[in-house]
C-alpha atoms as a PDB file:
ATOM      1  CA  MET A   1       0.295  12.692   1.986  1.00  0.00           C
ATOM      2  CA  LYS A   2      -2.748  10.684   2.985  1.00  0.00           C
ATOM      3  CA  ARG A   3      -2.416   6.899   2.958  1.00  0.00           C
ATOM      4  CA  GLU A   4      -4.810   3.977   3.411  1.00  0.00           C
ATOM      5  CA  TYR A   5      -4.303   0.196   3.227  1.00  0.00           C
ATOM      6  CA  LEU A   6      -7.051  -2.330   2.465  1.00  0.00           C
ATOM      7  CA  LEU A   7      -6.326  -6.035   2.905  1.00  0.00           C
ATOM      8  CA  CYS A   8      -8.320  -8.333   0.624  1.00  0.00           C
ATOM      9  CA  ASP A   9     -10.737 -10.806   2.185  1.00  0.00           C
ATOM     10  CA  GLY A  10      -8.555 -13.664   0.951  1.00  0.00           C
ATOM     11  CA  GLN A  11      -5.634 -12.256   2.998  1.00  0.00           C
ATOM     12  CA  CYS A  12      -3.233 -12.520   0.039  1.00  0.00           C
ATOM     13  CA  HIS A  13      -3.305  -9.050  -1.554  1.00  0.00           C
ATOM     14  CA  LEU A  14      -3.212  -5.492  -0.293  1.00  0.00           C
ATOM     15  CA  LEU A  15      -4.600  -2.336  -1.881  1.00  0.00           C
ATOM     16  CA  GLN A  16      -2.555   0.752  -1.030  1.00  0.00           C
ATOM     17  CA  LEU A  17      -4.055   4.226  -1.608  1.00  0.00           C
ATOM     18  CA  ASN A  18      -1.730   7.254  -1.499  1.00  0.00           C
ATOM     19  CA  TYR A  19      -3.023  10.785  -2.087  1.00  0.00           C
ATOM     20  CA  ASP A  20      -0.811  13.803  -2.705  1.00  0.00           C
ATOM     21  CA  ASP A  21      -2.096  17.267  -3.656  1.00  0.00           C
ATOM     22  CA  GLU A  22       0.544  17.621  -6.391  1.00  0.00           C
ATOM     23  CA  TRP A  23       0.023  14.422  -8.395  1.00  0.00           C
ATOM     24  CA  GLY A  24      -3.268  12.938  -7.225  1.00  0.00           C
ATOM     25  CA  LEU A  25      -4.217   9.441  -6.111  1.00  0.00           C
ATOM     26  CA  GLU A  26      -1.894   6.475  -6.521  1.00  0.00           C
ATOM     27  CA  ILE A  27      -3.511   3.050  -6.233  1.00  0.00           C
ATOM     28  CA  SER A  28      -1.160   0.084  -5.831  1.00  0.00           C
ATOM     29  CA  MET A  29      -1.952  -3.592  -5.486  1.00  0.00           C
ATOM     30  CA  TRP A  30       0.590  -5.708  -3.636  1.00  0.00           C
ATOM     31  CA  LYS A  31       0.876  -9.460  -3.380  1.00  0.00           C
ATOM     32  CA  ARG A  32       1.033 -10.043   0.370  1.00  0.00           C
ATOM     33  CA  ALA A  33       2.172 -13.663   0.355  1.00  0.00           C
ATOM     34  CA  HIS A  34       2.887 -16.469  -2.056  1.00  0.00           C
ATOM     35  CA  ALA A  35      -0.273 -18.572  -2.341  1.00  0.00           C
ATOM     36  CA  GLY A  36       1.598 -21.867  -1.930  1.00  0.00           C
ATOM     37  CA  GLY A  37       3.469 -20.873   1.236  1.00  0.00           C
ATOM     38  CA  LYS A  38       7.179 -20.067   1.119  1.00  0.00           C
ATOM     39  CA  LEU A  39       8.806 -19.062  -2.150  1.00  0.00           C
ATOM     40  CA  SER A  40      11.367 -21.452  -3.608  1.00  0.00           C
ATOM     41  CA  TRP A  41      15.007 -20.339  -3.551  1.00  0.00           C
ATOM     42  CA  ARG A  42      14.828 -19.807  -7.308  1.00  0.00           C
ATOM     43  CA  GLU A  43      11.822 -17.465  -6.905  1.00  0.00           C
ATOM     44  CA  ARG A  44      13.492 -15.631  -4.013  1.00  0.00           C
ATOM     45  CA  ILE A  45      16.586 -15.021  -6.143  1.00  0.00           C
ATOM     46  CA  ARG A  46      14.440 -13.944  -9.092  1.00  0.00           C
ATOM     47  CA  TRP A  47      12.565 -11.416  -6.894  1.00  0.00           C
ATOM     48  CA  CYS A  48      15.840 -10.110  -5.420  1.00  0.00           C
ATOM     49  CA  TRP A  49      17.423  -9.803  -8.877  1.00  0.00           C
ATOM     50  CA  HIS A  50      14.405  -7.870 -10.133  1.00  0.00           C
ATOM     51  CA  LEU A  51      14.702  -5.449  -7.209  1.00  0.00           C
ATOM     52  CA  ILE A  52      18.478  -5.058  -7.673  1.00  0.00           C
ATOM     53  CA  THR A  53      18.281  -4.444 -11.426  1.00  0.00           C
ATOM     54  CA  THR A  54      15.182  -2.236 -11.536  1.00  0.00           C
ATOM     55  CA  GLY A  55      15.071  -0.708  -8.053  1.00  0.00           C
ATOM     56  CA  GLU A  56      11.360  -1.534  -7.881  1.00  0.00           C
ATOM     57  CA  LEU A  57       9.244  -4.296  -6.429  1.00  0.00           C
ATOM     58  CA  TRP A  58       6.557  -5.872  -8.572  1.00  0.00           C
ATOM     59  CA  VAL A  59       3.335  -3.996  -8.127  1.00  0.00           C
ATOM     60  CA  ASP A  60       0.290  -3.131 -10.154  1.00  0.00           C
ATOM     61  CA  GLU A  61      -0.320   0.573  -9.874  1.00  0.00           C
ATOM     62  CA  ILE A  62      -2.376   3.414 -11.308  1.00  0.00           C
ATOM     63  CA  ILE A  63      -2.310   7.153 -10.674  1.00  0.00           C
ATOM     64  CA  LEU A  64      -5.525   9.185 -10.949  1.00  0.00           C
ATOM     65  CA  ASP A  65      -5.825  12.961 -11.338  1.00  0.00           C
ATOM     66  CA  LYS A  66      -8.507  14.933  -9.463  1.00  0.00           C
ATOM     67  CA  GLU A  67     -11.144  14.429 -12.171  1.00  0.00           C
ATOM     68  CA  LYS A  68     -10.636  10.659 -12.203  1.00  0.00           C
ATOM     69  CA  ILE A  69     -10.582  10.590  -8.379  1.00  0.00           C
ATOM     70  CA  HIS A  70     -14.043  12.190  -8.450  1.00  0.00           C
ATOM     71  CA  GLN A  71     -15.218   9.660 -11.052  1.00  0.00           C
ATOM     72  CA  PHE A  72     -13.840   6.793  -8.938  1.00  0.00           C
ATOM     73  CA  ALA A  73     -15.486   8.202  -5.777  1.00  0.00           C
ATOM     74  CA  GLU A  74     -18.851   8.528  -7.514  1.00  0.00           C
ATOM     75  CA  PHE A  75     -18.630   4.944  -8.718  1.00  0.00           C
ATOM     76  CA  MET A  76     -17.781   3.740  -5.198  1.00  0.00           C
ATOM     77  CA  LYS A  77     -20.646   5.781  -3.675  1.00  0.00           C
ATOM     78  CA  GLN A  78     -23.104   4.266  -6.154  1.00  0.00           C
ATOM     79  CA  LEU A  79     -21.745   0.802  -5.513  1.00  0.00           C
ATOM     80  CA  ASP A  80     -22.106   1.334  -1.762  1.00  0.00           C
ATOM     81  CA  LYS A  81     -25.750   2.384  -2.240  1.00  0.00           C
ATOM     82  CA  ASP A  82     -26.420  -0.659  -4.448  1.00  0.00           C
ATOM     83  CA  ILE A  83     -24.986  -3.177  -1.990  1.00  0.00           C
ATOM     84  CA  GLN A  84     -26.870  -1.644   0.966  1.00  0.00           C
ATOM     85  CA  LYS A  85     -30.218  -2.522  -0.687  1.00  0.00           C
END
């Protein structure tokens, strides 16, 4: 598996890219820190309860097959060319 992490410029979110030959590219977006500083005890308990009951952390995620990976790569290449002008 190939893996890459990209931290947003605002330092509060993280983009995680995982590639596996069997299922393709998984793109996940993680919230790195609570914007207002520490989470309240109520929020901490709510996050823990969510993890206990679902077995998953909150994350926005998408999985792309090889065709969509190519489409995504082409878009990013074009975007890179456009911003270099």
